[in-house]
């Protein structure tokens, strides 16, 4: 049985004021800080930070970053090891798996950092 996606309230309760380290296919993918007010900071592994906001669209948790006009939506569920995010537009792509959820700040790489 496939778990039901988290509701906005469930997702918000699980991530607000946390840093989530996401893995895909057994390798680090990126890091995300979930701020109050549904604001978010994201960085691919070794990349620069992007800021934006998240919102819901049907069962999807969607992210719109300040430098983009196209939101990206995920179906997020809570498994025994933590959160799992499946890309709504490409459900056959390997999902993001929560590796660690903690309160440490996001460390951003890139030029000038």
Protein backbone atom coordinates (compact mmCIF):
# COMPACT_ATOMS: atom_id res chain seq x y z
CA UNK A 1 0.00 0.00 0.00
CA UNK A 2 1.35 3.42 -1.01
CA UNK A 3 1.24 5.97 1.83
CA UNK A 4 -0.93 9.04 1.36
CA UNK A 5 0.95 12.30 0.73
CA UNK A 6 1.32 14.57 3.74
CA UNK A 7 -1.12 17.46 4.05
CA UNK A 8 0.23 21.00 4.18
CA UNK A 9 -0.22 21.09 7.96
CA UNK A 10 1.53 17.73 8.44
CA UNK A 11 4.41 18.79 6.21
CA UNK A 12 4.74 22.17 7.92
CA UNK A 13 4.82 20.53 11.36
CA UNK A 14 7.48 18.05 10.21
CA UNK A 15 9.92 20.55 8.69
CA UNK A 16 9.54 24.08 10.09
CA UNK A 17 12.74 25.35 11.76
CA UNK A 18 14.66 22.32 10.50
CA UNK A 19 17.41 21.59 8.00
CA UNK A 20 16.68 18.51 5.91
CA UNK A 21 19.49 16.75 4.08
CA UNK A 22 18.09 14.99 1.01
CA UNK A 23 19.62 11.95 -0.70
CA UNK A 24 18.75 10.38 -4.05
CA UNK A 25 19.79 6.87 -5.06
CA UNK A 26 22.05 6.56 -2.02
CA UNK A 27 23.98 9.81 -2.64
CA UNK A 28 23.68 13.31 -1.14
CA UNK A 29 21.52 15.54 -3.35
CA UNK A 30 20.94 18.77 -1.43
CA UNK A 31 20.10 20.57 1.77
CA UNK A 32 16.99 22.53 2.65
CA UNK A 33 16.11 24.83 5.52
CA UNK A 34 12.43 25.30 6.27
CA UNK A 35 11.76 28.69 7.86
CA UNK A 36 8.52 29.85 9.52
CA UNK A 37 5.94 31.34 7.18
CA UNK A 38 6.55 28.62 4.57
CA UNK A 39 9.83 30.19 3.45
CA UNK A 40 12.65 27.90 2.34
CA UNK A 41 16.35 27.96 1.49
CA UNK A 42 17.75 25.22 -0.77
CA UNK A 43 21.18 24.25 -2.08
CA UNK A 44 22.19 21.31 -4.23
CA UNK A 45 25.12 19.40 -2.74
CA UNK A 46 28.09 21.78 -3.05
CA UNK A 47 25.96 24.48 -4.71
CA UNK A 48 24.85 27.99 -3.93
CA UNK A 49 21.74 28.78 -1.91
CA UNK A 50 18.38 29.70 -3.38
CA UNK A 51 15.53 31.17 -1.36
CA UNK A 52 11.83 30.89 -1.98
CA UNK A 53 8.54 29.69 -0.57
CA UNK A 54 6.47 26.54 -0.55
CA UNK A 55 2.73 26.14 -1.06
CA UNK A 56 0.27 23.39 -1.86
CA UNK A 57 -1.39 22.49 -5.13
CA UNK A 58 -3.77 19.58 -4.62
CA UNK A 59 -1.75 16.84 -2.92
CA UNK A 60 1.55 18.42 -4.02
CA UNK A 61 3.98 20.46 -1.95
CA UNK A 62 5.29 23.01 -4.43
CA UNK A 63 8.41 25.17 -4.25
CA UNK A 64 8.87 28.48 -6.02
CA UNK A 65 12.28 30.06 -5.72
CA UNK A 66 12.86 33.80 -5.92
CA UNK A 67 14.85 33.55 -9.17
CA UNK A 68 12.40 31.22 -10.96
CA UNK A 69 8.94 31.54 -12.45
CA UNK A 70 8.22 27.79 -12.52
CA UNK A 71 7.25 25.97 -9.34
CA UNK A 72 8.39 22.39 -8.74
CA UNK A 73 5.86 20.13 -7.00
CA UNK A 74 6.53 17.01 -4.94
CA UNK A 75 4.36 14.35 -3.36
CA UNK A 76 5.80 14.01 0.14
CA UNK A 77 5.05 11.15 2.46
CA UNK A 78 6.43 10.04 5.81
CA UNK A 79 8.05 6.63 5.80
CA UNK A 80 9.64 4.68 8.63
CA UNK A 81 13.03 6.35 8.05
CA UNK A 82 11.70 9.86 7.40
CA UNK A 83 10.32 11.94 4.58
CA UNK A 84 10.27 10.79 0.97
CA UNK A 85 9.61 13.26 -1.86
CA UNK A 86 8.52 12.07 -5.29
CA UNK A 87 8.60 14.56 -8.16
CA UNK A 88 4.95 15.04 -9.15
CA UNK A 89 5.82 15.65 -12.82
CA UNK A 90 8.06 12.55 -13.03
CA UNK A 91 6.95 9.90 -10.49
CA UNK A 92 9.29 7.29 -12.02
CA UNK A 93 12.38 9.35 -11.16
CA UNK A 94 14.06 8.10 -7.96
CA UNK A 95 12.64 10.01 -4.98
CA UNK A 96 14.46 12.26 -2.55
CA UNK A 97 14.91 10.56 0.81
CA UNK A 98 15.42 12.41 4.07
CA UNK A 99 18.87 11.46 5.36
CA UNK A 100 19.09 13.77 8.36
CA UNK A 101 16.76 16.36 9.83
CA UNK A 102 18.41 18.73 12.27
CA UNK A 103 18.54 22.34 13.44
CA UNK A 104 21.96 23.25 12.02
CA UNK A 105 22.04 26.10 9.50
CA UNK A 106 22.44 25.58 5.77
CA UNK A 107 26.04 25.83 4.55
CA UNK A 108 26.18 27.30 1.05
CA UNK A 109 29.02 26.88 -1.41
CA UNK A 110 29.74 28.75 -4.59
CA UNK A 111 31.53 31.94 -5.56
CA UNK A 112 32.14 34.47 -2.83
CA UNK A 113 31.28 32.07 0.00
